[in-house]
Amino acid sequence: MKLEKNHIVEHTLSTDESDWLVLAQNGDDEAFTQLVERYQNPVYNLCYRMLGDALEAEDAAQEAFWRAYQAIRRYDRDRPFATWLLSITAHYCIDLQRKRRLPTLEIEDWMEEVLPDNTPDPERLTGAREEKERIQKMLSALNPQDRAAIILRYWYEFSEEEISRTLKLSVSAVKSRLHRARLKFAAIYQAEQNGIRERIQDESPAF
């Protein structure tokens, strides 16, 4: 089973959403509530993946929407609303991680693009608890910005340009962070595989 992506980064808004945004920017609280209801799941999911704790994620999602509410008048409607909202969310979660050093979410699934081509098919990594713990260790080894870049790229399908705007990094810096993270995942995985093979050899009976 592969990770289900969050297909919510749209570059065209529905008529209802466009109307809600206009009304919300003019101070209509009910219109903003409609936007919250539409995006509450992806915002919560991003918080949960970044923070790894349900209660922390709920609080972070509420804070992200509150920050979006306060900044809604400055929102540029030429920019996808989902990208703008998730950018606010990601920044807040990064700040929380830096301040609190929260644990990483235990990831159940992974995606092919995250691991280099010379590593096993990620579908083989999603079954057993031991394999999930390996993925957790891989993400735990990343600093908050690298982790955010990986999650935005492979779960939310942000382009490198969108990630660069979200994290206030150059596109080349984003590419470098993603590349470095993939290499780190591969190195950790390979080291653990080598350790498993050595243990198997040590435990094998001699004939």
N, C-alpha and C. Protein backbone atom coordinates (compact mmCIF):
# COMPACT_ATOMS: atom_id res chain seq x y z
N MET A 1 0.84 -1.20 0.00
CA MET A 1 0.00 0.00 0.00
C MET A 1 0.88 1.24 0.00
N LYS A 2 0.55 2.18 -0.85
CA LYS A 2 1.33 3.41 -0.91
C LYS A 2 0.60 4.52 -0.16
N LEU A 3 1.37 5.50 0.21
CA LEU A 3 0.82 6.62 0.96
C LEU A 3 -0.17 7.38 0.11
N GLU A 4 -1.30 7.69 0.68
CA GLU A 4 -2.31 8.49 -0.03
C GLU A 4 -1.90 9.95 0.04
N LYS A 5 -1.79 10.57 -1.12
CA LYS A 5 -1.37 11.96 -1.17
C LYS A 5 -2.55 12.87 -0.89
N ASN A 6 -2.24 14.10 -0.56
CA ASN A 6 -3.27 15.09 -0.31
C ASN A 6 -3.37 15.98 -1.54
N HIS A 7 -4.30 15.64 -2.42
CA HIS A 7 -4.43 16.38 -3.67
C HIS A 7 -5.29 17.63 -3.44
N ILE A 8 -4.70 18.64 -2.81
CA ILE A 8 -5.49 19.81 -2.47
C ILE A 8 -4.82 21.09 -2.95
N VAL A 9 -3.65 21.00 -3.52
CA VAL A 9 -2.96 22.20 -3.98
C VAL A 9 -3.45 22.51 -5.38
N GLU A 10 -4.51 23.28 -5.46
CA GLU A 10 -5.13 23.57 -6.73
C GLU A 10 -4.72 24.96 -7.20
N HIS A 11 -4.57 25.10 -8.51
CA HIS A 11 -4.18 26.38 -9.07
C HIS A 11 -5.38 27.16 -9.60
N THR A 12 -6.56 26.54 -9.55
CA THR A 12 -7.79 27.25 -9.89
C THR A 12 -8.78 27.01 -8.77
N LEU A 13 -9.47 28.04 -8.38
CA LEU A 13 -10.41 27.94 -7.28
C LEU A 13 -11.81 27.69 -7.79
N SER A 14 -12.60 26.95 -7.00
CA SER A 14 -14.01 26.79 -7.35
C SER A 14 -14.71 28.13 -7.18
N THR A 15 -15.88 28.24 -7.81
CA THR A 15 -16.63 29.50 -7.71
C THR A 15 -16.96 29.81 -6.26
N ASP A 16 -17.42 28.79 -5.52
CA ASP A 16 -17.76 29.01 -4.11
C ASP A 16 -16.55 29.50 -3.34
N GLU A 17 -15.41 28.86 -3.56
CA GLU A 17 -14.22 29.23 -2.80
C GLU A 17 -13.76 30.64 -3.13
N SER A 18 -13.83 31.00 -4.40
CA SER A 18 -13.46 32.37 -4.79
C SER A 18 -14.36 33.38 -4.09
N ASP A 19 -15.64 33.07 -4.04
CA ASP A 19 -16.58 33.97 -3.36
C ASP A 19 -16.27 34.05 -1.88
N TRP A 20 -15.99 32.90 -1.26
CA TRP A 20 -15.66 32.89 0.17
C TRP A 20 -14.43 33.75 0.45
N LEU A 21 -13.43 33.64 -0.41
CA LEU A 21 -12.20 34.40 -0.20
C LEU A 21 -12.45 35.90 -0.28
N VAL A 22 -13.25 36.32 -1.25
CA VAL A 22 -13.57 37.75 -1.38
C VAL A 22 -14.30 38.23 -0.14
N LEU A 23 -15.29 37.46 0.30
CA LEU A 23 -16.06 37.83 1.48
C LEU A 23 -15.19 37.82 2.74
N ALA A 24 -14.34 36.79 2.87
CA ALA A 24 -13.48 36.70 4.06
C ALA A 24 -12.52 37.88 4.12
N GLN A 25 -12.00 38.29 2.98
CA GLN A 25 -11.08 39.43 2.97
C GLN A 25 -11.79 40.74 3.29
N ASN A 26 -13.11 40.72 3.19
CA ASN A 26 -13.90 41.90 3.53
C ASN A 26 -14.53 41.78 4.92
N GLY A 27 -14.01 40.83 5.69
CA GLY A 27 -14.43 40.74 7.09
C GLY A 27 -15.59 39.82 7.38
N ASP A 28 -16.00 38.97 6.44
CA ASP A 28 -17.11 38.05 6.65
C ASP A 28 -16.60 36.80 7.36
N ASP A 29 -16.91 36.66 8.64
CA ASP A 29 -16.43 35.52 9.42
C ASP A 29 -17.05 34.21 8.96
N GLU A 30 -18.30 34.24 8.53
CA GLU A 30 -18.94 33.01 8.07
C GLU A 30 -18.25 32.46 6.82
N ALA A 31 -17.81 33.35 5.95
CA ALA A 31 -17.09 32.91 4.75
C ALA A 31 -15.77 32.26 5.13
N PHE A 32 -15.09 32.84 6.11
CA PHE A 32 -13.84 32.22 6.54
C PHE A 32 -14.10 30.86 7.18
N THR A 33 -15.21 30.73 7.90
CA THR A 33 -15.57 29.44 8.49
C THR A 33 -15.76 28.39 7.40
N GLN A 34 -16.32 28.78 6.27
CA GLN A 34 -16.47 27.84 5.15
C GLN A 34 -15.10 27.37 4.66
N LEU A 35 -14.13 28.28 4.61
CA LEU A 35 -12.78 27.90 4.20
C LEU A 35 -12.14 26.96 5.20
N VAL A 36 -12.38 27.22 6.48
CA VAL A 36 -11.85 26.33 7.53
C VAL A 36 -12.42 24.92 7.35
N GLU A 37 -13.71 24.82 7.13
CA GLU A 37 -14.34 23.50 6.96
C GLU A 37 -13.78 22.77 5.75
N ARG A 38 -13.49 23.51 4.68
CA ARG A 38 -12.96 22.85 3.48
C ARG A 38 -11.54 22.35 3.70
N TYR A 39 -10.74 23.09 4.45
CA TYR A 39 -9.31 22.77 4.55
C TYR A 39 -8.89 22.21 5.91
N GLN A 40 -9.83 21.94 6.80
CA GLN A 40 -9.42 21.50 8.13
C GLN A 40 -8.69 20.16 8.11
N ASN A 41 -9.09 19.25 7.23
CA ASN A 41 -8.42 17.94 7.18
C ASN A 41 -6.98 18.04 6.68
N PRO A 42 -6.73 18.66 5.53
CA PRO A 42 -5.33 18.75 5.08
C PRO A 42 -4.44 19.55 6.03
N VAL A 43 -4.98 20.58 6.66
CA VAL A 43 -4.18 21.35 7.62
C VAL A 43 -3.85 20.50 8.84
N TYR A 44 -4.84 19.78 9.36
CA TYR A 44 -4.58 18.90 10.50
C TYR A 44 -3.58 17.81 10.12
N ASN A 45 -3.75 17.21 8.94
CA ASN A 45 -2.84 16.14 8.52
C ASN A 45 -1.41 16.63 8.41
N LEU A 46 -1.22 17.82 7.90
CA LEU A 46 0.13 18.37 7.81
C LEU A 46 0.72 18.57 9.21
N CYS A 47 -0.07 19.11 10.13
CA CYS A 47 0.39 19.29 11.51
C CYS A 47 0.75 17.94 12.14
N TYR A 48 -0.08 16.94 11.89
CA TYR A 48 0.15 15.63 12.49
C TYR A 48 1.44 15.01 11.97
N ARG A 49 1.67 15.13 10.66
CA ARG A 49 2.89 14.56 10.10
C ARG A 49 4.13 15.32 10.57
N MET A 50 4.00 16.60 10.77
CA MET A 50 5.14 17.39 11.23
C MET A 50 5.43 17.17 12.71
N LEU A 51 4.38 17.02 13.51
CA LEU A 51 4.54 17.01 14.96
C LEU A 51 4.44 15.62 15.58
N GLY A 52 3.64 14.74 15.00
CA GLY A 52 3.58 13.38 15.47
C GLY A 52 2.72 13.14 16.69
N ASP A 53 1.89 14.09 17.06
CA ASP A 53 1.04 13.93 18.23
C ASP A 53 -0.32 14.53 17.91
N ALA A 54 -1.39 13.77 18.18
CA ALA A 54 -2.73 14.20 17.78
C ALA A 54 -3.16 15.49 18.49
N LEU A 55 -2.93 15.56 19.79
CA LEU A 55 -3.35 16.75 20.53
C LEU A 55 -2.54 17.97 20.10
N GLU A 56 -1.24 17.79 19.93
CA GLU A 56 -0.41 18.89 19.46
C GLU A 56 -0.87 19.33 18.07
N ALA A 57 -1.23 18.36 17.22
CA ALA A 57 -1.66 18.68 15.87
C ALA A 57 -2.96 19.47 15.87
N GLU A 58 -3.89 19.11 16.76
CA GLU A 58 -5.15 19.85 16.85
C GLU A 58 -4.90 21.29 17.25
N ASP A 59 -4.05 21.49 18.26
CA ASP A 59 -3.73 22.84 18.71
C ASP A 59 -3.03 23.63 17.60
N ALA A 60 -2.10 22.97 16.91
CA ALA A 60 -1.34 23.64 15.85
C ALA A 60 -2.25 24.03 14.69
N ALA A 61 -3.20 23.15 14.35
CA ALA A 61 -4.13 23.45 13.26
C ALA A 61 -4.99 24.66 13.60
N GLN A 62 -5.46 24.72 14.84
CA GLN A 62 -6.25 25.87 15.27
C GLN A 62 -5.43 27.15 15.19
N GLU A 63 -4.18 27.08 15.63
CA GLU A 63 -3.31 28.26 15.59
C GLU A 63 -3.04 28.66 14.14
N ALA A 64 -2.84 27.68 13.26
CA ALA A 64 -2.58 27.99 11.85
C ALA A 64 -3.77 28.72 11.22
N PHE A 65 -4.99 28.25 11.52
CA PHE A 65 -6.17 28.93 10.98
C PHE A 65 -6.32 30.33 11.59
N TRP A 66 -5.99 30.47 12.85
CA TRP A 66 -6.07 31.78 13.48
C TRP A 66 -5.09 32.75 12.83
N ARG A 67 -3.89 32.27 12.53
CA ARG A 67 -2.91 33.12 11.85
C ARG A 67 -3.36 33.46 10.43
N ALA A 68 -3.97 32.50 9.77
CA ALA A 68 -4.49 32.76 8.43
C ALA A 68 -5.62 33.79 8.49
N TYR A 69 -6.47 33.67 9.50
CA TYR A 69 -7.57 34.63 9.68
C TYR A 69 -7.03 36.04 9.87
N GLN A 70 -5.98 36.15 10.68
CA GLN A 70 -5.40 37.46 10.94
C GLN A 70 -4.73 38.05 9.70
N ALA A 71 -4.26 37.19 8.81
CA ALA A 71 -3.52 37.66 7.64
C ALA A 71 -4.34 37.62 6.35
N ILE A 72 -5.63 37.27 6.43
CA ILE A 72 -6.41 37.03 5.23
C ILE A 72 -6.49 38.26 4.33
N ARG A 73 -6.49 39.44 4.90
CA ARG A 73 -6.57 40.64 4.07
C ARG A 73 -5.33 40.82 3.20
N ARG A 74 -4.22 40.23 3.63
CA ARG A 74 -2.98 40.35 2.86
C ARG A 74 -2.81 39.22 1.85
N TYR A 75 -3.73 38.27 1.85
CA TYR A 75 -3.63 37.15 0.91
C TYR A 75 -3.78 37.64 -0.53
N ASP A 76 -2.88 37.20 -1.39
CA ASP A 76 -2.89 37.54 -2.81
C ASP A 76 -3.68 36.47 -3.56
N ARG A 77 -4.83 36.82 -4.12
CA ARG A 77 -5.69 35.83 -4.75
C ARG A 77 -5.10 35.28 -6.04
N ASP A 78 -3.99 35.82 -6.51
CA ASP A 78 -3.29 35.22 -7.65
C ASP A 78 -2.51 33.98 -7.24
N ARG A 79 -2.34 33.79 -5.94
CA ARG A 79 -1.61 32.63 -5.42
C ARG A 79 -2.61 31.58 -4.97
N PRO A 80 -2.36 30.28 -5.22
CA PRO A 80 -3.30 29.24 -4.75
C PRO A 80 -3.52 29.35 -3.24
N PHE A 81 -4.78 29.38 -2.84
CA PHE A 81 -5.08 29.54 -1.42
C PHE A 81 -4.53 28.39 -0.60
N ALA A 82 -4.64 27.15 -1.12
CA ALA A 82 -4.15 25.99 -0.38
C ALA A 82 -2.65 26.12 -0.10
N THR A 83 -1.89 26.56 -1.09
CA THR A 83 -0.45 26.73 -0.90
C THR A 83 -0.17 27.76 0.17
N TRP A 84 -0.88 28.87 0.13
CA TRP A 84 -0.71 29.94 1.12
C TRP A 84 -1.04 29.44 2.52
N LEU A 85 -2.14 28.73 2.65
CA LEU A 85 -2.58 28.24 3.96
C LEU A 85 -1.62 27.19 4.51
N LEU A 86 -1.19 26.26 3.68
CA LEU A 86 -0.26 25.22 4.14
C LEU A 86 1.12 25.81 4.44
N SER A 87 1.47 26.89 3.77
CA SER A 87 2.73 27.56 4.09
C SER A 87 2.70 28.12 5.51
N ILE A 88 1.60 28.75 5.87
CA ILE A 88 1.44 29.26 7.23
C ILE A 88 1.52 28.11 8.23
N THR A 89 0.85 27.02 7.91
CA THR A 89 0.84 25.85 8.79
C THR A 89 2.23 25.27 8.96
N ALA A 90 2.94 25.09 7.86
CA ALA A 90 4.28 24.49 7.92
C ALA A 90 5.23 25.36 8.74
N HIS A 91 5.17 26.67 8.55
CA HIS A 91 6.04 27.57 9.31
C HIS A 91 5.77 27.48 10.80
N TYR A 92 4.50 27.42 11.17
CA TYR A 92 4.18 27.32 12.59
C TYR A 92 4.69 26.01 13.18
N CYS A 93 4.53 24.92 12.44
CA CYS A 93 5.01 23.62 12.94
C CYS A 93 6.53 23.59 13.05
N ILE A 94 7.22 24.22 12.11
CA ILE A 94 8.68 24.30 12.19
C ILE A 94 9.08 25.06 13.45
N ASP A 95 8.39 26.16 13.74
CA ASP A 95 8.69 26.93 14.95
C ASP A 95 8.47 26.08 16.20
N LEU A 96 7.39 25.31 16.21
CA LEU A 96 7.13 24.45 17.37
C LEU A 96 8.23 23.41 17.55
N GLN A 97 8.67 22.81 16.46
CA GLN A 97 9.71 21.79 16.55
C GLN A 97 11.01 22.37 17.08
N ARG A 98 11.33 23.55 16.64
CA ARG A 98 12.57 24.18 17.10
C ARG A 98 12.51 24.51 18.58
N LYS A 99 11.33 24.90 19.04
CA LYS A 99 11.19 25.29 20.44
C LYS A 99 11.05 24.08 21.36
N ARG A 100 10.31 23.09 20.92
CA ARG A 100 9.96 21.98 21.81
C ARG A 100 10.67 20.68 21.49
N ARG A 101 11.28 20.60 20.32
CA ARG A 101 11.94 19.37 19.89
C ARG A 101 10.98 18.18 20.02
N LEU A 102 9.84 18.30 19.40
CA LEU A 102 8.81 17.26 19.49
C LEU A 102 9.24 16.02 18.70
N PRO A 103 8.72 14.85 19.11
CA PRO A 103 9.05 13.61 18.38
C PRO A 103 8.41 13.60 17.00
N THR A 104 8.94 12.77 16.13
CA THR A 104 8.43 12.62 14.78
C THR A 104 7.30 11.60 14.74
N LEU A 105 6.35 11.84 13.85
CA LEU A 105 5.26 10.88 13.63
C LEU A 105 5.79 9.54 13.15
N GLU A 106 5.19 8.46 13.65
CA GLU A 106 5.48 7.14 13.10
C GLU A 106 4.78 7.02 11.75
N ILE A 107 5.55 6.95 10.69
CA ILE A 107 4.99 6.91 9.34
C ILE A 107 4.63 5.48 8.97
N GLU A 108 3.44 5.26 8.45
CA GLU A 108 3.00 3.92 8.07
C GLU A 108 3.36 3.59 6.64
N ASP A 109 3.46 4.60 5.81
CA ASP A 109 3.71 4.36 4.40
C ASP A 109 4.80 5.31 3.90
N TRP A 110 5.30 5.03 2.74
CA TRP A 110 6.32 5.90 2.15
C TRP A 110 6.08 5.96 0.66
N MET A 111 6.87 6.74 -0.04
CA MET A 111 6.67 6.91 -1.47
C MET A 111 7.94 6.61 -2.23
N GLU A 112 7.77 6.17 -3.47
CA GLU A 112 8.91 5.73 -4.26
C GLU A 112 9.95 6.84 -4.43
N GLU A 113 9.48 8.08 -4.61
CA GLU A 113 10.42 9.14 -4.92
C GLU A 113 11.37 9.47 -3.78
N VAL A 114 10.97 9.14 -2.54
CA VAL A 114 11.76 9.53 -1.39
C VAL A 114 13.06 8.76 -1.32
N LEU A 115 13.05 7.51 -1.74
CA LEU A 115 14.24 6.68 -1.67
C LEU A 115 14.89 6.58 -3.03
N PRO A 116 16.21 6.61 -3.11
CA PRO A 116 16.89 6.48 -4.39
C PRO A 116 16.56 5.16 -5.07
N ASP A 117 16.83 5.11 -6.38
CA ASP A 117 16.42 3.96 -7.18
C ASP A 117 17.09 2.65 -6.73
N ASN A 118 18.27 2.74 -6.07
CA ASN A 118 18.98 1.51 -5.71
C ASN A 118 18.52 0.93 -4.38
N THR A 119 17.43 1.47 -3.82
CA THR A 119 16.89 0.94 -2.57
C THR A 119 15.65 0.10 -2.87
N PRO A 120 15.25 -0.75 -1.94
CA PRO A 120 14.09 -1.63 -2.18
C PRO A 120 12.82 -0.83 -2.43
N ASP A 121 11.85 -1.48 -3.05
CA ASP A 121 10.54 -0.89 -3.29
C ASP A 121 9.94 -0.47 -1.96
N PRO A 122 9.51 0.80 -1.81
CA PRO A 122 8.95 1.26 -0.52
C PRO A 122 7.76 0.45 -0.05
N GLU A 123 7.04 -0.22 -0.96
CA GLU A 123 5.89 -1.01 -0.52
C GLU A 123 6.34 -2.13 0.42
N ARG A 124 7.58 -2.56 0.29
CA ARG A 124 8.09 -3.62 1.17
C ARG A 124 8.42 -3.08 2.56
N LEU A 125 8.41 -1.75 2.70
CA LEU A 125 8.80 -1.15 3.98
C LEU A 125 7.61 -0.81 4.86
N THR A 126 6.38 -1.10 4.39
CA THR A 126 5.22 -0.57 5.09
C THR A 126 4.49 -1.55 5.97
N GLY A 127 4.87 -2.81 6.00
CA GLY A 127 4.09 -3.79 6.73
C GLY A 127 4.40 -3.90 8.19
N ALA A 128 5.62 -4.26 8.51
CA ALA A 128 5.98 -4.59 9.89
C ALA A 128 6.30 -3.34 10.71
N ARG A 129 6.10 -3.47 12.00
CA ARG A 129 6.40 -2.36 12.91
C ARG A 129 7.87 -1.96 12.82
N GLU A 130 8.75 -2.96 12.68
CA GLU A 130 10.18 -2.65 12.60
C GLU A 130 10.48 -1.75 11.42
N GLU A 131 9.79 -1.99 10.31
CA GLU A 131 10.04 -1.17 9.12
C GLU A 131 9.51 0.24 9.32
N LYS A 132 8.35 0.37 9.98
CA LYS A 132 7.80 1.70 10.24
C LYS A 132 8.73 2.48 11.17
N GLU A 133 9.32 1.79 12.12
CA GLU A 133 10.24 2.47 13.03
C GLU A 133 11.47 2.97 12.28
N ARG A 134 11.87 2.24 11.25
CA ARG A 134 13.01 2.71 10.46
C ARG A 134 12.67 4.02 9.76
N ILE A 135 11.47 4.10 9.20
CA ILE A 135 11.06 5.33 8.54
C ILE A 135 11.02 6.48 9.54
N GLN A 136 10.55 6.18 10.75
CA GLN A 136 10.50 7.21 11.78
C GLN A 136 11.90 7.72 12.09
N LYS A 137 12.85 6.80 12.19
CA LYS A 137 14.23 7.20 12.46
C LYS A 137 14.78 8.07 11.33
N MET A 138 14.41 7.72 10.10
CA MET A 138 14.89 8.50 8.97
C MET A 138 14.40 9.95 9.04
N LEU A 139 13.12 10.11 9.33
CA LEU A 139 12.59 11.47 9.43
C LEU A 139 13.12 12.18 10.67
N SER A 140 13.33 11.43 11.75
CA SER A 140 13.84 12.04 12.97
C SER A 140 15.24 12.61 12.77
N ALA A 141 15.96 12.04 11.83
CA ALA A 141 17.34 12.49 11.59
C ALA A 141 17.40 13.82 10.85
N LEU A 142 16.26 14.29 10.33
CA LEU A 142 16.24 15.53 9.56
C LEU A 142 15.95 16.72 10.46
N ASN A 143 16.51 17.87 10.08
CA ASN A 143 16.14 19.08 10.82
C ASN A 143 14.74 19.52 10.36
N PRO A 144 14.09 20.42 11.10
CA PRO A 144 12.70 20.77 10.79
C PRO A 144 12.47 21.24 9.36
N GLN A 145 13.37 22.06 8.81
CA GLN A 145 13.16 22.55 7.45
C GLN A 145 13.28 21.43 6.42
N ASP A 146 14.25 20.54 6.59
CA ASP A 146 14.37 19.40 5.67
C ASP A 146 13.13 18.52 5.75
N ARG A 147 12.66 18.29 6.96
CA ARG A 147 11.47 17.46 7.15
C ARG A 147 10.26 18.10 6.48
N ALA A 148 10.12 19.41 6.65
CA ALA A 148 9.01 20.11 6.02
C ALA A 148 9.10 20.03 4.50
N ALA A 149 10.30 20.18 3.97
CA ALA A 149 10.48 20.11 2.52
C ALA A 149 10.07 18.74 1.99
N ILE A 150 10.48 17.68 2.68
CA ILE A 150 10.13 16.33 2.27
C ILE A 150 8.62 16.11 2.32
N ILE A 151 8.00 16.51 3.41
CA ILE A 151 6.56 16.29 3.57
C ILE A 151 5.77 17.09 2.54
N LEU A 152 6.13 18.36 2.34
CA LEU A 152 5.42 19.18 1.36
C LEU A 152 5.60 18.64 -0.06
N ARG A 153 6.79 18.12 -0.34
CA ARG A 153 7.05 17.64 -1.70
C ARG A 153 6.33 16.33 -1.98
N TYR A 154 6.43 15.36 -1.06
CA TYR A 154 5.97 14.02 -1.38
C TYR A 154 4.58 13.68 -0.85
N TRP A 155 4.08 14.44 0.11
CA TRP A 155 2.72 14.22 0.56
C TRP A 155 1.75 15.21 -0.06
N TYR A 156 2.20 16.45 -0.22
CA TYR A 156 1.30 17.50 -0.69
C TYR A 156 1.61 17.95 -2.12
N GLU A 157 2.63 17.35 -2.73
CA GLU A 157 2.98 17.59 -4.12
C GLU A 157 3.26 19.07 -4.43
N PHE A 158 3.85 19.76 -3.47
CA PHE A 158 4.32 21.12 -3.74
C PHE A 158 5.44 21.04 -4.77
N SER A 159 5.48 22.00 -5.68
CA SER A 159 6.62 22.08 -6.59
C SER A 159 7.82 22.64 -5.82
N GLU A 160 8.99 22.52 -6.40
CA GLU A 160 10.18 23.07 -5.75
C GLU A 160 10.06 24.57 -5.59
N GLU A 161 9.42 25.23 -6.55
CA GLU A 161 9.22 26.68 -6.45
C GLU A 161 8.29 27.03 -5.30
N GLU A 162 7.22 26.23 -5.12
CA GLU A 162 6.29 26.49 -4.02
C GLU A 162 6.96 26.23 -2.67
N ILE A 163 7.78 25.21 -2.60
CA ILE A 163 8.50 24.94 -1.35
C ILE A 163 9.47 26.08 -1.05
N SER A 164 10.12 26.59 -2.08
CA SER A 164 11.08 27.68 -1.86
C SER A 164 10.38 28.92 -1.30
N ARG A 165 9.18 29.21 -1.80
CA ARG A 165 8.43 30.35 -1.27
C ARG A 165 7.94 30.08 0.15
N THR A 166 7.50 28.85 0.38
CA THR A 166 6.97 28.49 1.69
C THR A 166 8.04 28.57 2.77
N LEU A 167 9.22 28.01 2.50
CA LEU A 167 10.28 27.94 3.50
C LEU A 167 11.28 29.08 3.39
N LYS A 168 11.01 30.00 2.44
CA LYS A 168 11.89 31.15 2.23
C LYS A 168 13.33 30.70 1.94
N LEU A 169 13.43 29.75 1.02
CA LEU A 169 14.71 29.24 0.56
C LEU A 169 14.79 29.43 -0.95
N SER A 170 15.99 29.43 -1.49
CA SER A 170 16.13 29.45 -2.93
C SER A 170 15.74 28.08 -3.49
N VAL A 171 15.39 28.03 -4.76
CA VAL A 171 15.03 26.77 -5.39
C VAL A 171 16.21 25.80 -5.33
N SER A 172 17.41 26.31 -5.54
CA SER A 172 18.58 25.44 -5.48
C SER A 172 18.78 24.88 -4.07
N ALA A 173 18.45 25.68 -3.05
CA ALA A 173 18.57 25.19 -1.67
C ALA A 173 17.53 24.09 -1.41
N VAL A 174 16.34 24.25 -1.95
CA VAL A 174 15.30 23.22 -1.81
C VAL A 174 15.76 21.93 -2.47
N LYS A 175 16.28 22.03 -3.68
CA LYS A 175 16.77 20.83 -4.38
C LYS A 175 17.87 20.15 -3.57
N SER A 176 18.74 20.95 -3.00
CA SER A 176 19.83 20.41 -2.20
C SER A 176 19.31 19.68 -0.97
N ARG A 177 18.32 20.28 -0.29
CA ARG A 177 17.76 19.66 0.91
C ARG A 177 17.06 18.34 0.57
N LEU A 178 16.30 18.32 -0.51
CA LEU A 178 15.61 17.09 -0.90
C LEU A 178 16.61 16.01 -1.28
N HIS A 179 17.64 16.39 -2.01
CA HIS A 179 18.65 15.42 -2.42
C HIS A 179 19.39 14.87 -1.19
N ARG A 180 19.75 15.77 -0.28
CA ARG A 180 20.46 15.34 0.92
C ARG A 180 19.61 14.40 1.77
N ALA A 181 18.31 14.69 1.86
CA ALA A 181 17.42 13.84 2.65
C ALA A 181 17.30 12.46 2.02
N ARG A 182 17.18 12.39 0.70
CA ARG A 182 17.09 11.09 0.05
C ARG A 182 18.35 10.27 0.28
N LEU A 183 19.50 10.91 0.19
CA LEU A 183 20.76 10.20 0.43
C LEU A 183 20.87 9.71 1.87
N LYS A 184 20.40 10.56 2.81
CA LYS A 184 20.45 10.16 4.22
C LYS A 184 19.55 8.96 4.47
N PHE A 185 18.33 8.98 3.88
CA PHE A 185 17.44 7.83 4.02
C PHE A 185 18.11 6.56 3.50
N ALA A 186 18.72 6.67 2.32
CA ALA A 186 19.35 5.50 1.71
C ALA A 186 20.50 4.98 2.58
N ALA A 187 21.30 5.89 3.13
CA ALA A 187 22.44 5.48 3.95
C ALA A 187 21.97 4.78 5.22
N ILE A 188 20.95 5.33 5.88
CA ILE A 188 20.43 4.72 7.10
C ILE A 188 19.87 3.34 6.80
N TYR A 189 19.09 3.26 5.73
CA TYR A 189 18.48 1.98 5.37
C TYR A 189 19.55 0.94 5.06
N GLN A 190 20.56 1.33 4.27
CA GLN A 190 21.59 0.38 3.89
C GLN A 190 22.37 -0.09 5.10
N ALA A 191 22.66 0.82 6.03
CA ALA A 191 23.41 0.45 7.24
C ALA A 191 22.61 -0.55 8.07
N GLU A 192 21.30 -0.35 8.17
CA GLU A 192 20.48 -1.26 8.94
C GLU A 192 20.36 -2.62 8.25
N GLN A 193 20.28 -2.60 6.92
CA GLN A 193 20.23 -3.86 6.19
C GLN A 193 21.53 -4.66 6.38
N ASN A 194 22.65 -3.94 6.36
CA ASN A 194 23.93 -4.61 6.59
C ASN A 194 23.97 -5.22 7.99
N GLY A 195 23.45 -4.50 8.97
CA GLY A 195 23.43 -5.01 10.33
C GLY A 195 22.56 -6.25 10.47
N ILE A 196 21.42 -6.24 9.76
CA ILE A 196 20.53 -7.41 9.79
C ILE A 196 21.23 -8.62 9.19
N ARG A 197 21.91 -8.43 8.07
CA ARG A 197 22.60 -9.55 7.43
C ARG A 197 23.71 -10.10 8.32
N GLU A 198 24.41 -9.20 9.01
CA GLU A 198 25.48 -9.65 9.90
C GLU A 198 24.91 -10.46 11.07
N ARG A 199 23.76 -10.02 11.60
CA ARG A 199 23.16 -10.76 12.72
C ARG A 199 22.69 -12.13 12.26
N ILE A 200 22.13 -12.19 11.06
CA ILE A 200 21.67 -13.47 10.52
C ILE A 200 22.85 -14.44 10.35
N GLN A 201 23.96 -13.91 9.83
CA GLN A 201 25.14 -14.73 9.64
C GLN A 201 25.68 -15.23 10.97
N ASP A 202 25.70 -14.35 11.98
CA ASP A 202 26.22 -14.72 13.30
C ASP A 202 25.37 -15.79 13.96
N GLU A 203 24.04 -15.74 13.70
CA GLU A 203 23.12 -16.67 14.33
C GLU A 203 22.96 -17.96 13.55
N SER A 204 23.47 -18.01 12.32
CA SER A 204 23.33 -19.22 11.50
C SER A 204 24.23 -20.32 12.05
N PRO A 205 23.73 -21.57 12.16
CA PRO A 205 24.55 -22.68 12.67
C PRO A 205 25.65 -23.04 11.69
N ALA A 206 26.78 -23.39 12.23
CA ALA A 206 27.91 -23.79 11.37
C ALA A 206 27.82 -25.28 11.10
N PHE A 207 28.12 -25.70 9.86
CA PHE A 207 28.05 -27.10 9.48
C PHE A 207 29.47 -27.62 9.19
